[in-house]
Every structure is written in C-alpha cells, then in structure tokens.
Amino acid sequence: MKPKLLLHLEGVAILAASCILYQHIHGSWLWFAVLFLAPDISLFLFPLNKKIATAAYNFVHTYTTPILLSVALWLLGQTSYLWIALIWTAHIGMDRMFGYGLKYETAFKDTHLGRV
C-alpha cells in the first residue's frame, strides 16, 4: 500500500476514534458542530503573514497539541474537558483524510502530504 494512502487511512481512523470516544464520554454534538472547524481560524492569517500563519496553522494541526492538552487535563484532574481535545483530534483526522497536511512556508498548498 502506498504511504500517502496509509496517511489518509490514518486520518480516517483518528476521526472515527475521536468521534467514538466523544460519544462514549457523552460529549455534546452541538458543541462538536460549533467547534469542529475552529482550528481553521488560523487560515485567516495567511494573507497577513505567511511565516506566522504557517506556524499557527501547524501548531493547531499537529496531533501533539491536543494530546498534550489531554495529558495536562488528565494530570490536573479536569477530565470533564477532554471533549475539547477530542473535537480537535477529529478535525485533524478529517484534514488528513482529505489530504491536508502541515504547511510549508513556500506555498499554502505545499503540505507534508504533498501538494494539495
């Protein structure tokens, strides 16, 4: 199987797992709908400053950030807020499923998954 296809399938798996866990913790699907595209707010920075926009986009579109948030919430005993991280990982999974990856500064369409 080609690596790019595996990365797309990985996105499907993360999206599905995030939604299943979200349902398991009885997350509000209204909040899910409202916040699902929130990480894409970083896209509005691209016309202003490509370097800052790329850094912001990559920060909110890497699995590391919501995973670290989850660990912090767990350690602080604030597990009732884990739903935020699940919405976040679901969004990233959807992006990967559609082939959107982390951005390079060269051009908006240049991603770690190839050119979109």
Protein backbone atom coordinates (compact mmCIF):
# COMPACT_ATOMS: atom_id res chain seq x y z
CA MET A 1 0.00 0.00 0.00
CA LYS A 2 1.28 3.48 -0.84
CA PRO A 3 2.40 5.69 2.09
CA LYS A 4 0.09 8.57 1.09
CA LEU A 5 -2.93 6.22 1.16
CA LEU A 6 -1.85 4.96 4.58
CA LEU A 7 -1.74 8.56 5.84
CA HIS A 8 -5.27 9.15 4.51
CA LEU A 9 -6.47 5.96 6.22
CA GLU A 10 -4.74 7.06 9.41
CA GLY A 11 -6.82 10.25 9.26
CA VAL A 12 -10.00 8.20 8.87
CA ALA A 13 -9.00 6.09 11.89
CA ILE A 14 -8.28 9.14 14.07
CA LEU A 15 -11.52 10.84 13.01
CA ALA A 16 -13.53 7.70 13.76
CA ALA A 17 -11.78 7.00 17.07
CA SER A 18 -12.22 10.62 18.20
CA CYS A 19 -15.94 10.54 17.39
CA ILE A 20 -16.42 7.19 19.13
CA LEU A 21 -14.63 8.42 22.26
CA TYR A 22 -16.58 11.68 22.11
CA GLN A 23 -19.83 9.72 22.08
CA HIS A 24 -18.50 7.49 24.89
CA ILE A 25 -17.91 10.49 27.17
CA HIS A 26 -21.34 11.86 26.23
CA GLY A 27 -19.98 14.97 24.53
CA SER A 28 -22.47 17.48 23.18
CA TRP A 29 -22.81 17.08 19.42
CA LEU A 30 -23.93 20.70 19.25
CA TRP A 31 -20.55 21.78 20.66
CA PHE A 32 -18.88 19.34 18.28
CA ALA A 33 -20.58 21.03 15.31
CA VAL A 34 -19.79 24.52 16.58
CA LEU A 35 -16.09 23.88 17.32
CA PHE A 36 -15.18 21.31 14.66
CA LEU A 37 -13.77 23.88 12.23
CA ALA A 38 -12.26 26.17 14.90
CA PRO A 39 -8.64 25.16 14.13
CA ASP A 40 -9.10 26.55 10.63
CA ILE A 41 -9.36 30.09 12.01
CA SER A 42 -5.57 30.07 11.61
CA LEU A 43 -6.11 30.13 7.83
CA PHE A 44 -7.13 33.78 8.04
CA LEU A 45 -3.55 34.69 8.96
CA PHE A 46 -2.11 33.60 5.60
CA PRO A 47 -2.87 36.85 3.73
CA LEU A 48 -1.30 38.83 6.60
CA ASN A 49 1.96 36.99 7.25
CA LYS A 50 2.86 33.64 5.68
CA LYS A 51 5.53 32.74 8.25
CA ILE A 52 3.33 33.39 11.30
CA ALA A 53 0.34 31.78 9.60
CA THR A 54 2.31 28.63 8.81
CA ALA A 55 3.49 28.35 12.41
CA ALA A 56 -0.01 28.94 13.78
CA TYR A 57 -1.62 26.52 11.32
CA ASN A 58 0.92 23.79 12.07
CA PHE A 59 0.58 24.34 15.84
CA VAL A 60 -3.17 23.71 15.73
CA HIS A 61 -2.98 20.97 13.08
CA THR A 62 -0.50 18.63 14.72
CA TYR A 63 -1.75 15.82 16.94
CA THR A 64 0.87 16.80 19.52
CA THR A 65 -1.03 19.85 20.76
CA PRO A 66 -4.40 18.22 21.59
CA ILE A 67 -2.58 15.19 23.04
CA LEU A 68 -0.56 17.45 25.34
CA LEU A 69 -3.79 19.23 26.27
CA SER A 70 -5.37 15.87 27.12
CA VAL A 71 -2.42 14.87 29.30
CA ALA A 72 -2.49 18.23 31.09
CA LEU A 73 -6.24 17.97 31.69
CA TRP A 74 -5.82 14.43 32.98
CA LEU A 75 -3.00 15.37 35.34
CA LEU A 76 -4.91 18.41 36.61
CA GLY A 77 -8.00 16.30 37.26
CA GLN A 78 -10.01 18.25 34.69
CA THR A 79 -11.10 15.26 32.62
CA SER A 80 -14.53 16.78 32.08
CA TYR A 81 -12.86 18.99 29.44
CA LEU A 82 -11.36 16.16 27.38
CA TRP A 83 -14.15 16.68 24.85
CA ILE A 84 -12.27 19.74 23.56
CA ALA A 85 -9.22 17.66 22.65
CA LEU A 86 -11.42 15.02 21.00
CA ILE A 87 -13.07 17.60 18.76
CA TRP A 88 -9.61 18.90 17.94
CA THR A 89 -8.19 15.49 17.02
CA ALA A 90 -11.31 14.72 14.99
CA HIS A 91 -10.71 17.89 12.97
CA ILE A 92 -7.07 16.98 12.33
CA GLY A 93 -8.12 13.45 11.34
CA MET A 94 -10.62 14.86 8.86
CA ASP A 95 -7.95 17.10 7.36
CA ARG A 96 -5.57 14.16 6.96
CA MET A 97 -8.36 12.05 5.49
CA PHE A 98 -8.84 14.68 2.77
CA GLY A 99 -5.09 15.03 2.21
CA TYR A 100 -4.47 18.29 4.02
CA GLY A 101 -1.22 18.19 5.91
CA LEU A 102 1.05 20.51 7.81
CA LYS A 103 2.03 23.57 5.78
CA TYR A 104 5.36 24.66 4.40
CA GLU A 105 6.14 28.36 4.09
CA THR A 106 6.82 28.00 0.36
CA ALA A 107 3.13 27.98 -0.62
CA PHE A 108 -0.23 27.41 1.02
CA LYS A 109 -0.80 24.24 -1.00
CA ASP A 110 2.58 22.71 -0.07
CA THR A 111 1.99 20.23 2.76
CA HIS A 112 3.80 17.31 4.33
CA LEU A 113 1.38 15.04 2.47
CA GLY A 114 2.27 16.60 -0.86
CA ARG A 115 0.82 19.44 -2.89
CA VAL A 116 -2.92 19.87 -2.42
